[in-house]
Amino acid sequence: MSVAKILIVEPHADIRSLLELVVRRLGHEPMVWDGSDPESLSADAAVIEPGEGAGLALARRLRRLGVPLLFTSIFPADREVLDLQPAAYLVKPFPLYALENALGAALEPPLAVPVATAL
């Protein structure tokens, strides 16, 4: 697997640092969102706290761009968040392997479906 760019949107510095560490440990490049246009970031996936002010709005824009979304929150998922079809919704505190597994799955290319051929 090649190095992926993972956008991190998390308002709490300690949790943000932990997310960055996990992303690096998986061999990917963490990018902390600085308010820039998501189209210019070319993220391969995003880990977002949807309750954060701009988090949900950014998630909607990234979803339209086809970027896989992983949400992390202390609150259970609501309909608005689930409608974005996240690759994962992790309720804090969650084990780090859950994030690792979810991120790995989100970055996997879709399985090719064999096409039947007529003889």
N, C-alpha and C. Protein backbone atom coordinates (compact mmCIF):
# COMPACT_ATOMS: atom_id res chain seq x y z
N MET A 1 0.85 -1.17 0.00
CA MET A 1 0.00 0.00 0.00
C MET A 1 0.89 1.24 0.00
N SER A 2 0.54 2.23 -0.76
CA SER A 2 1.34 3.45 -0.83
C SER A 2 0.98 4.37 0.34
N VAL A 3 1.78 5.40 0.51
CA VAL A 3 1.54 6.37 1.57
C VAL A 3 0.31 7.19 1.23
N ALA A 4 -0.64 7.22 2.15
CA ALA A 4 -1.88 7.98 1.96
C ALA A 4 -1.81 9.26 2.79
N LYS A 5 -2.50 10.28 2.30
CA LYS A 5 -2.62 11.54 3.04
C LYS A 5 -3.94 11.48 3.82
N ILE A 6 -3.82 11.57 5.14
CA ILE A 6 -4.99 11.46 6.01
C ILE A 6 -5.24 12.82 6.68
N LEU A 7 -6.36 13.42 6.36
CA LEU A 7 -6.75 14.70 6.94
C LEU A 7 -7.32 14.46 8.32
N ILE A 8 -6.86 15.22 9.31
CA ILE A 8 -7.33 15.10 10.68
C ILE A 8 -8.00 16.40 11.09
N VAL A 9 -9.25 16.27 11.53
CA VAL A 9 -10.01 17.43 12.00
C VAL A 9 -10.47 17.10 13.42
N GLU A 10 -9.74 17.60 14.39
CA GLU A 10 -9.99 17.30 15.81
C GLU A 10 -9.64 18.54 16.61
N PRO A 11 -10.62 19.09 17.38
CA PRO A 11 -10.36 20.33 18.11
C PRO A 11 -9.47 20.20 19.33
N HIS A 12 -9.33 19.00 19.89
CA HIS A 12 -8.55 18.82 21.11
C HIS A 12 -7.12 18.40 20.75
N ALA A 13 -6.15 19.22 21.16
CA ALA A 13 -4.75 19.01 20.77
C ALA A 13 -4.22 17.65 21.19
N ASP A 14 -4.58 17.17 22.38
CA ASP A 14 -4.05 15.89 22.83
C ASP A 14 -4.58 14.73 21.99
N ILE A 15 -5.84 14.77 21.66
CA ILE A 15 -6.43 13.72 20.81
C ILE A 15 -5.90 13.83 19.39
N ARG A 16 -5.78 15.07 18.90
CA ARG A 16 -5.23 15.30 17.56
C ARG A 16 -3.83 14.71 17.45
N SER A 17 -3.00 14.92 18.46
CA SER A 17 -1.64 14.38 18.46
C SER A 17 -1.66 12.85 18.44
N LEU A 18 -2.56 12.25 19.19
CA LEU A 18 -2.68 10.80 19.21
C LEU A 18 -3.12 10.28 17.84
N LEU A 19 -4.07 10.95 17.20
CA LEU A 19 -4.51 10.55 15.86
C LEU A 19 -3.37 10.65 14.86
N GLU A 20 -2.59 11.71 14.95
CA GLU A 20 -1.43 11.87 14.07
C GLU A 20 -0.44 10.72 14.27
N LEU A 21 -0.21 10.36 15.53
CA LEU A 21 0.71 9.28 15.85
C LEU A 21 0.24 7.95 15.23
N VAL A 22 -1.04 7.66 15.35
CA VAL A 22 -1.59 6.43 14.78
C VAL A 22 -1.43 6.43 13.26
N VAL A 23 -1.73 7.54 12.63
CA VAL A 23 -1.61 7.64 11.17
C VAL A 23 -0.16 7.42 10.74
N ARG A 24 0.78 8.04 11.43
CA ARG A 24 2.21 7.86 11.11
C ARG A 24 2.64 6.42 11.33
N ARG A 25 2.17 5.83 12.42
CA ARG A 25 2.53 4.44 12.74
C ARG A 25 2.07 3.49 11.64
N LEU A 26 0.98 3.84 10.97
CA LEU A 26 0.48 3.03 9.86
C LEU A 26 1.23 3.31 8.55
N GLY A 27 2.16 4.26 8.60
CA GLY A 27 2.96 4.57 7.42
C GLY A 27 2.35 5.61 6.50
N HIS A 28 1.38 6.36 7.02
CA HIS A 28 0.72 7.38 6.20
C HIS A 28 1.11 8.78 6.68
N GLU A 29 0.70 9.76 5.91
CA GLU A 29 1.03 11.16 6.21
C GLU A 29 -0.18 11.87 6.81
N PRO A 30 -0.10 12.26 8.08
CA PRO A 30 -1.21 13.01 8.67
C PRO A 30 -1.15 14.47 8.23
N MET A 31 -2.31 15.03 7.98
CA MET A 31 -2.43 16.46 7.65
C MET A 31 -3.49 17.04 8.58
N VAL A 32 -3.10 17.99 9.42
CA VAL A 32 -4.06 18.62 10.31
C VAL A 32 -4.74 19.74 9.54
N TRP A 33 -6.06 19.73 9.56
CA TRP A 33 -6.82 20.73 8.80
C TRP A 33 -6.60 22.11 9.39
N ASP A 34 -6.25 23.04 8.52
CA ASP A 34 -5.97 24.41 8.94
C ASP A 34 -7.01 25.40 8.42
N GLY A 35 -8.13 24.88 7.95
CA GLY A 35 -9.18 25.74 7.43
C GLY A 35 -9.11 25.93 5.93
N SER A 36 -8.12 25.32 5.28
CA SER A 36 -7.98 25.50 3.84
C SER A 36 -9.04 24.71 3.07
N ASP A 37 -9.14 25.02 1.81
CA ASP A 37 -10.12 24.39 0.92
C ASP A 37 -9.80 22.90 0.80
N PRO A 38 -10.78 22.04 1.06
CA PRO A 38 -10.50 20.60 1.02
C PRO A 38 -10.10 20.10 -0.36
N GLU A 39 -10.52 20.77 -1.41
CA GLU A 39 -10.16 20.32 -2.75
C GLU A 39 -8.66 20.48 -3.00
N SER A 40 -8.04 21.46 -2.36
CA SER A 40 -6.60 21.68 -2.56
C SER A 40 -5.75 20.72 -1.73
N LEU A 41 -6.35 20.01 -0.80
CA LEU A 41 -5.59 19.14 0.10
C LEU A 41 -5.29 17.77 -0.49
N SER A 42 -6.10 17.32 -1.39
CA SER A 42 -5.98 15.99 -2.01
C SER A 42 -5.81 14.89 -0.97
N ALA A 43 -6.71 14.88 0.03
CA ALA A 43 -6.67 13.86 1.07
C ALA A 43 -7.20 12.54 0.53
N ASP A 44 -6.61 11.45 1.01
CA ASP A 44 -7.07 10.12 0.63
C ASP A 44 -8.14 9.60 1.58
N ALA A 45 -8.21 10.15 2.78
CA ALA A 45 -9.22 9.83 3.78
C ALA A 45 -9.19 10.93 4.82
N ALA A 46 -10.24 10.99 5.65
CA ALA A 46 -10.29 12.02 6.69
C ALA A 46 -10.83 11.42 7.98
N VAL A 47 -10.21 11.82 9.10
CA VAL A 47 -10.67 11.45 10.43
C VAL A 47 -11.20 12.75 11.04
N ILE A 48 -12.50 12.78 11.30
CA ILE A 48 -13.16 14.05 11.67
C ILE A 48 -13.97 13.90 12.95
N GLU A 49 -13.88 14.90 13.81
CA GLU A 49 -14.77 15.05 14.96
C GLU A 49 -15.96 15.86 14.43
N PRO A 50 -17.11 15.22 14.20
CA PRO A 50 -18.22 15.92 13.55
C PRO A 50 -18.88 16.98 14.42
N GLY A 51 -18.70 16.92 15.74
CA GLY A 51 -19.30 17.90 16.62
C GLY A 51 -18.54 19.21 16.62
N GLU A 52 -17.31 19.19 16.15
CA GLU A 52 -16.48 20.38 16.04
C GLU A 52 -17.15 21.32 15.05
N GLY A 53 -17.15 22.60 15.32
CA GLY A 53 -17.87 23.58 14.51
C GLY A 53 -17.86 23.35 13.02
N ALA A 54 -16.69 23.30 12.42
CA ALA A 54 -16.60 23.18 10.97
C ALA A 54 -16.50 21.73 10.51
N GLY A 55 -16.37 20.80 11.44
CA GLY A 55 -16.16 19.40 11.09
C GLY A 55 -17.23 18.80 10.20
N LEU A 56 -18.49 19.00 10.53
CA LEU A 56 -19.57 18.41 9.76
C LEU A 56 -19.68 19.06 8.37
N ALA A 57 -19.52 20.37 8.30
CA ALA A 57 -19.56 21.06 7.01
C ALA A 57 -18.42 20.58 6.11
N LEU A 58 -17.24 20.42 6.69
CA LEU A 58 -16.10 19.94 5.92
C LEU A 58 -16.35 18.50 5.47
N ALA A 59 -16.93 17.69 6.35
CA ALA A 59 -17.23 16.29 6.00
C ALA A 59 -18.17 16.23 4.79
N ARG A 60 -19.15 17.10 4.75
CA ARG A 60 -20.08 17.12 3.60
C ARG A 60 -19.32 17.42 2.30
N ARG A 61 -18.42 18.39 2.36
CA ARG A 61 -17.64 18.75 1.16
C ARG A 61 -16.73 17.61 0.74
N LEU A 62 -16.06 16.99 1.70
CA LEU A 62 -15.17 15.87 1.38
C LEU A 62 -15.95 14.69 0.82
N ARG A 63 -17.13 14.45 1.34
CA ARG A 63 -17.96 13.34 0.85
C ARG A 63 -18.30 13.55 -0.62
N ARG A 64 -18.63 14.81 -0.98
CA ARG A 64 -18.94 15.11 -2.39
C ARG A 64 -17.72 14.87 -3.28
N LEU A 65 -16.52 14.97 -2.70
CA LEU A 65 -15.28 14.73 -3.45
C LEU A 65 -14.92 13.25 -3.47
N GLY A 66 -15.69 12.43 -2.76
CA GLY A 66 -15.43 10.99 -2.73
C GLY A 66 -14.37 10.56 -1.73
N VAL A 67 -14.05 11.41 -0.77
CA VAL A 67 -13.04 11.08 0.24
C VAL A 67 -13.70 10.23 1.33
N PRO A 68 -13.12 9.06 1.66
CA PRO A 68 -13.67 8.24 2.75
C PRO A 68 -13.58 9.00 4.08
N LEU A 69 -14.66 8.92 4.86
CA LEU A 69 -14.74 9.62 6.13
C LEU A 69 -14.77 8.65 7.29
N LEU A 70 -14.01 8.98 8.34
CA LEU A 70 -14.06 8.26 9.60
C LEU A 70 -14.38 9.30 10.66
N PHE A 71 -15.41 9.05 11.44
CA PHE A 71 -15.80 10.00 12.47
C PHE A 71 -15.39 9.47 13.84
N THR A 72 -14.94 10.39 14.71
CA THR A 72 -14.64 10.07 16.10
C THR A 72 -15.36 11.08 16.97
N SER A 73 -16.10 10.60 17.95
CA SER A 73 -16.88 11.51 18.79
C SER A 73 -17.19 10.88 20.13
N ILE A 74 -17.50 11.71 21.11
CA ILE A 74 -17.94 11.20 22.40
C ILE A 74 -19.44 10.90 22.36
N PHE A 75 -20.11 11.36 21.32
CA PHE A 75 -21.55 11.17 21.20
C PHE A 75 -21.88 10.07 20.21
N PRO A 76 -22.99 9.37 20.41
CA PRO A 76 -23.42 8.38 19.42
C PRO A 76 -23.74 9.08 18.10
N ALA A 77 -23.69 8.33 17.02
CA ALA A 77 -23.96 8.88 15.70
C ALA A 77 -25.42 9.30 15.58
N ASP A 78 -25.64 10.40 14.89
CA ASP A 78 -27.02 10.81 14.61
C ASP A 78 -27.28 10.65 13.11
N ARG A 79 -28.50 10.84 12.71
CA ARG A 79 -28.92 10.62 11.33
C ARG A 79 -28.12 11.49 10.36
N GLU A 80 -27.87 12.75 10.71
CA GLU A 80 -27.14 13.67 9.83
C GLU A 80 -25.74 13.15 9.51
N VAL A 81 -25.08 12.59 10.50
CA VAL A 81 -23.74 12.05 10.31
C VAL A 81 -23.80 10.74 9.53
N LEU A 82 -24.72 9.87 9.88
CA LEU A 82 -24.83 8.58 9.19
C LEU A 82 -25.23 8.74 7.73
N ASP A 83 -25.95 9.80 7.41
CA ASP A 83 -26.33 10.05 6.02
C ASP A 83 -25.11 10.29 5.13
N LEU A 84 -23.98 10.64 5.73
CA LEU A 84 -22.74 10.85 4.97
C LEU A 84 -22.02 9.53 4.68
N GLN A 85 -22.58 8.42 5.14
CA GLN A 85 -22.06 7.08 4.90
C GLN A 85 -20.57 6.97 5.26
N PRO A 86 -20.25 7.20 6.54
CA PRO A 86 -18.84 7.11 6.93
C PRO A 86 -18.33 5.67 6.85
N ALA A 87 -17.04 5.56 6.60
CA ALA A 87 -16.39 4.24 6.60
C ALA A 87 -16.39 3.69 8.02
N ALA A 88 -16.40 4.57 9.03
CA ALA A 88 -16.46 4.15 10.43
C ALA A 88 -16.94 5.31 11.28
N TYR A 89 -17.57 4.96 12.38
CA TYR A 89 -17.96 5.93 13.41
C TYR A 89 -17.48 5.35 14.73
N LEU A 90 -16.46 5.96 15.30
CA LEU A 90 -15.85 5.46 16.53
C LEU A 90 -16.22 6.37 17.69
N VAL A 91 -16.79 5.78 18.74
CA VAL A 91 -17.18 6.55 19.92
C VAL A 91 -16.01 6.55 20.90
N LYS A 92 -15.59 7.75 21.28
CA LYS A 92 -14.48 7.93 22.22
C LYS A 92 -14.92 7.53 23.62
N PRO A 93 -14.08 6.89 24.40
CA PRO A 93 -12.76 6.41 24.02
C PRO A 93 -12.89 5.09 23.27
N PHE A 94 -12.07 4.92 22.27
CA PHE A 94 -12.07 3.69 21.49
C PHE A 94 -10.65 3.14 21.48
N PRO A 95 -10.51 1.82 21.30
CA PRO A 95 -9.16 1.27 21.22
C PRO A 95 -8.48 1.72 19.93
N LEU A 96 -7.21 2.00 20.00
CA LEU A 96 -6.49 2.50 18.82
C LEU A 96 -6.53 1.51 17.66
N TYR A 97 -6.57 0.21 17.96
CA TYR A 97 -6.64 -0.75 16.86
C TYR A 97 -7.94 -0.60 16.07
N ALA A 98 -9.00 -0.08 16.70
CA ALA A 98 -10.25 0.14 15.98
C ALA A 98 -10.05 1.21 14.90
N LEU A 99 -9.32 2.26 15.24
CA LEU A 99 -9.01 3.30 14.26
C LEU A 99 -8.09 2.74 13.18
N GLU A 100 -7.09 1.99 13.58
CA GLU A 100 -6.17 1.40 12.60
C GLU A 100 -6.92 0.51 11.62
N ASN A 101 -7.78 -0.36 12.13
CA ASN A 101 -8.55 -1.25 11.26
C ASN A 101 -9.49 -0.48 10.34
N ALA A 102 -10.18 0.52 10.89
CA ALA A 102 -11.13 1.29 10.10
C ALA A 102 -10.42 2.09 9.00
N LEU A 103 -9.27 2.65 9.34
CA LEU A 103 -8.52 3.42 8.36
C LEU A 103 -7.99 2.50 7.25
N GLY A 104 -7.48 1.35 7.65
CA GLY A 104 -7.02 0.38 6.65
C GLY A 104 -8.13 -0.04 5.71
N ALA A 105 -9.31 -0.30 6.25
CA ALA A 105 -10.45 -0.70 5.42
C ALA A 105 -10.89 0.44 4.50
N ALA A 106 -10.87 1.68 5.01
CA ALA A 106 -11.30 2.83 4.21
C ALA A 106 -10.36 3.08 3.04
N LEU A 107 -9.09 2.73 3.19
CA LEU A 107 -8.11 2.98 2.14
C LEU A 107 -8.00 1.84 1.13
N GLU A 108 -8.63 0.71 1.42
CA GLU A 108 -8.59 -0.42 0.50
C GLU A 108 -9.36 -0.08 -0.77
N PRO A 109 -8.80 -0.44 -1.94
CA PRO A 109 -9.56 -0.21 -3.17
C PRO A 109 -10.77 -1.13 -3.19
N PRO A 110 -11.85 -0.70 -3.82
CA PRO A 110 -13.04 -1.55 -3.89
C PRO A 110 -12.71 -2.85 -4.62
N LEU A 111 -13.36 -3.91 -4.21
CA LEU A 111 -13.14 -5.20 -4.86
C LEU A 111 -13.70 -5.17 -6.28
N ALA A 112 -12.95 -5.73 -7.18
CA ALA A 112 -13.41 -5.82 -8.57
C ALA A 112 -14.43 -6.96 -8.65
N VAL A 113 -15.49 -6.71 -9.36
CA VAL A 113 -16.52 -7.71 -9.55
C VAL A 113 -16.28 -8.37 -10.90
N PRO A 114 -16.09 -9.70 -10.92
CA PRO A 114 -15.84 -10.35 -12.20
C PRO A 114 -17.05 -10.24 -13.12
N VAL A 115 -16.77 -10.03 -14.37
CA VAL A 115 -17.84 -9.91 -15.36
C VAL A 115 -17.94 -11.25 -16.08
N ALA A 116 -19.14 -11.79 -16.11
CA ALA A 116 -19.36 -13.06 -16.80
C ALA A 116 -19.30 -12.83 -18.31
N THR A 117 -18.67 -13.73 -19.00
CA THR A 117 -18.61 -13.62 -20.46
C THR A 117 -19.38 -14.75 -21.09
N ALA A 118 -20.01 -14.46 -22.16
CA ALA A 118 -20.80 -15.48 -22.87
C ALA A 118 -19.84 -16.33 -23.72
N LEU A 119 -20.11 -17.62 -23.77
CA LEU A 119 -19.29 -18.53 -24.57
C LEU A 119 -19.87 -18.73 -25.93
